[in-house]
Amino acid sequence: KTAYEIRNCDWSSDVCSSDLKVWLEELNKGYAYVFRRDRTMRPICYINMDKLKRVKTDHETLAHMSTYMTQYVISRALIPGKIENWITIIDFKGVGVTEVPT
């Protein structure tokens, strides 16, 4: 493995091994969550850009939250050994093109 791969693996395992309590405050902001399944049983991830814009979460926290949610879906909502996918809905209601958080 390269040094980059080792650092990435360490970072990812630190974020993903975190307890839910670590992310509870961020999850309670309501800008991103996993919501049920669609009719073909795919998990639905929802991101509300208007709420994300208003809470002004820093990039590092947002990257960690995204990694945590992805790993949460993989470990808790998908069946191991089965090829699956999920749906991500990004709601831009109330957010203009120039207002998208960068």
Protein backbone atom coordinates (compact mmCIF):
# COMPACT_ATOMS: atom_id res chain seq x y z
CA LYS A 1 0.00 0.00 0.00
CA THR A 2 1.06 3.56 -0.62
CA ALA A 3 1.35 6.13 2.17
CA TYR A 4 -1.82 7.80 0.85
CA GLU A 5 -3.78 4.54 0.99
CA ILE A 6 -2.59 3.90 4.56
CA ARG A 7 -3.56 7.43 5.70
CA ASN A 8 -6.94 7.14 3.98
CA CYS A 9 -7.58 3.74 5.55
CA ASP A 10 -6.64 5.07 9.01
CA TRP A 11 -8.87 8.15 8.56
CA SER A 12 -11.79 6.08 7.29
CA SER A 13 -11.55 3.54 10.09
CA ASP A 14 -11.39 6.33 12.71
CA VAL A 15 -14.55 7.95 11.34
CA CYS A 16 -16.44 4.70 10.78
CA SER A 17 -15.54 3.11 14.09
CA SER A 18 -17.03 6.09 15.91
CA ASP A 19 -20.07 5.49 18.03
CA LEU A 20 -23.38 6.97 16.92
CA LYS A 21 -23.23 9.31 19.94
CA VAL A 22 -20.30 11.12 18.30
CA TRP A 23 -22.51 12.02 15.32
CA LEU A 24 -25.78 12.61 17.19
CA GLU A 25 -25.44 16.40 17.32
CA GLU A 26 -24.66 16.54 13.60
CA LEU A 27 -27.49 14.11 12.75
CA ASN A 28 -29.96 16.19 14.77
CA LYS A 29 -29.31 19.16 12.49
CA GLY A 30 -31.46 17.28 9.97
CA TYR A 31 -29.63 18.10 6.75
CA ALA A 32 -28.86 14.44 5.98
CA TYR A 33 -30.45 11.17 6.97
CA VAL A 34 -31.30 7.68 5.79
CA PHE A 35 -35.03 7.21 5.30
CA ARG A 36 -36.71 3.83 4.79
CA ARG A 37 -36.52 2.02 1.44
CA ASP A 38 -38.07 2.50 -1.97
CA ARG A 39 -40.44 -0.06 -3.53
CA THR A 40 -37.50 -2.13 -4.80
CA MET A 41 -36.07 -2.19 -1.25
CA ARG A 42 -33.15 0.20 -1.83
CA PRO A 43 -32.21 2.41 1.15
CA ILE A 44 -32.97 6.11 0.58
CA CYS A 45 -30.42 8.73 1.65
CA TYR A 46 -31.76 12.30 1.82
CA ILE A 47 -29.74 15.53 1.81
CA ASN A 48 -31.47 18.90 2.32
CA MET A 49 -29.21 21.59 0.85
CA ASP A 50 -31.23 24.46 2.37
CA LYS A 51 -30.66 23.10 5.89
CA LEU A 52 -27.03 22.35 5.10
CA LYS A 53 -26.56 25.92 3.91
CA ARG A 54 -28.13 27.32 7.11
CA VAL A 55 -26.14 25.18 9.60
CA LYS A 56 -22.80 26.17 8.04
CA THR A 57 -21.04 22.88 8.82
CA ASP A 58 -17.32 22.96 8.06
CA HIS A 59 -15.92 20.85 5.22
CA GLU A 60 -14.05 18.40 7.43
CA THR A 61 -17.11 17.62 9.55
CA LEU A 62 -19.20 17.25 6.40
CA ALA A 63 -16.67 14.83 4.89
CA HIS A 64 -16.62 12.78 8.11
CA MET A 65 -20.42 12.80 8.29
CA SER A 66 -20.67 11.66 4.67
CA THR A 67 -18.21 8.83 5.29
CA TYR A 68 -20.03 7.79 8.46
CA MET A 69 -23.43 7.74 6.73
CA THR A 70 -22.07 5.78 3.76
CA GLN A 71 -20.50 3.19 6.03
CA TYR A 72 -23.70 3.08 8.11
CA VAL A 73 -25.76 2.25 5.01
CA ILE A 74 -23.24 -0.37 3.87
CA SER A 75 -23.00 -2.06 7.27
CA ARG A 76 -26.62 -1.81 8.43
CA ALA A 77 -28.88 -1.52 5.38
CA LEU A 78 -27.24 -3.71 2.74
CA ILE A 79 -27.04 -7.49 2.70
CA PRO A 80 -23.43 -8.78 2.77
CA GLY A 81 -22.42 -10.72 -0.33
CA LYS A 82 -25.28 -9.36 -2.42
CA ILE A 83 -24.86 -6.70 -5.09
CA GLU A 84 -27.04 -3.77 -4.06
CA ASN A 85 -27.35 -0.03 -4.46
CA TRP A 86 -29.13 2.85 -2.77
CA ILE A 87 -30.91 6.05 -3.73
CA THR A 88 -29.65 9.52 -2.79
CA ILE A 89 -32.09 12.41 -2.99
CA ILE A 90 -30.54 15.87 -2.87
CA ASP A 91 -33.22 18.49 -2.23
CA PHE A 92 -32.32 21.90 -3.67
CA LYS A 93 -35.68 23.52 -2.85
CA GLY A 94 -35.07 27.09 -1.71
CA VAL A 95 -31.42 27.07 -2.82
CA GLY A 96 -30.29 29.02 -5.86
CA VAL A 97 -27.47 27.86 -8.10
CA THR A 98 -25.09 30.44 -6.64
CA GLU A 99 -26.03 29.50 -3.06
CA VAL A 100 -24.91 25.87 -3.17
CA PRO A 101 -22.44 25.31 -0.32
CA THR A 102 -18.88 24.80 -1.58
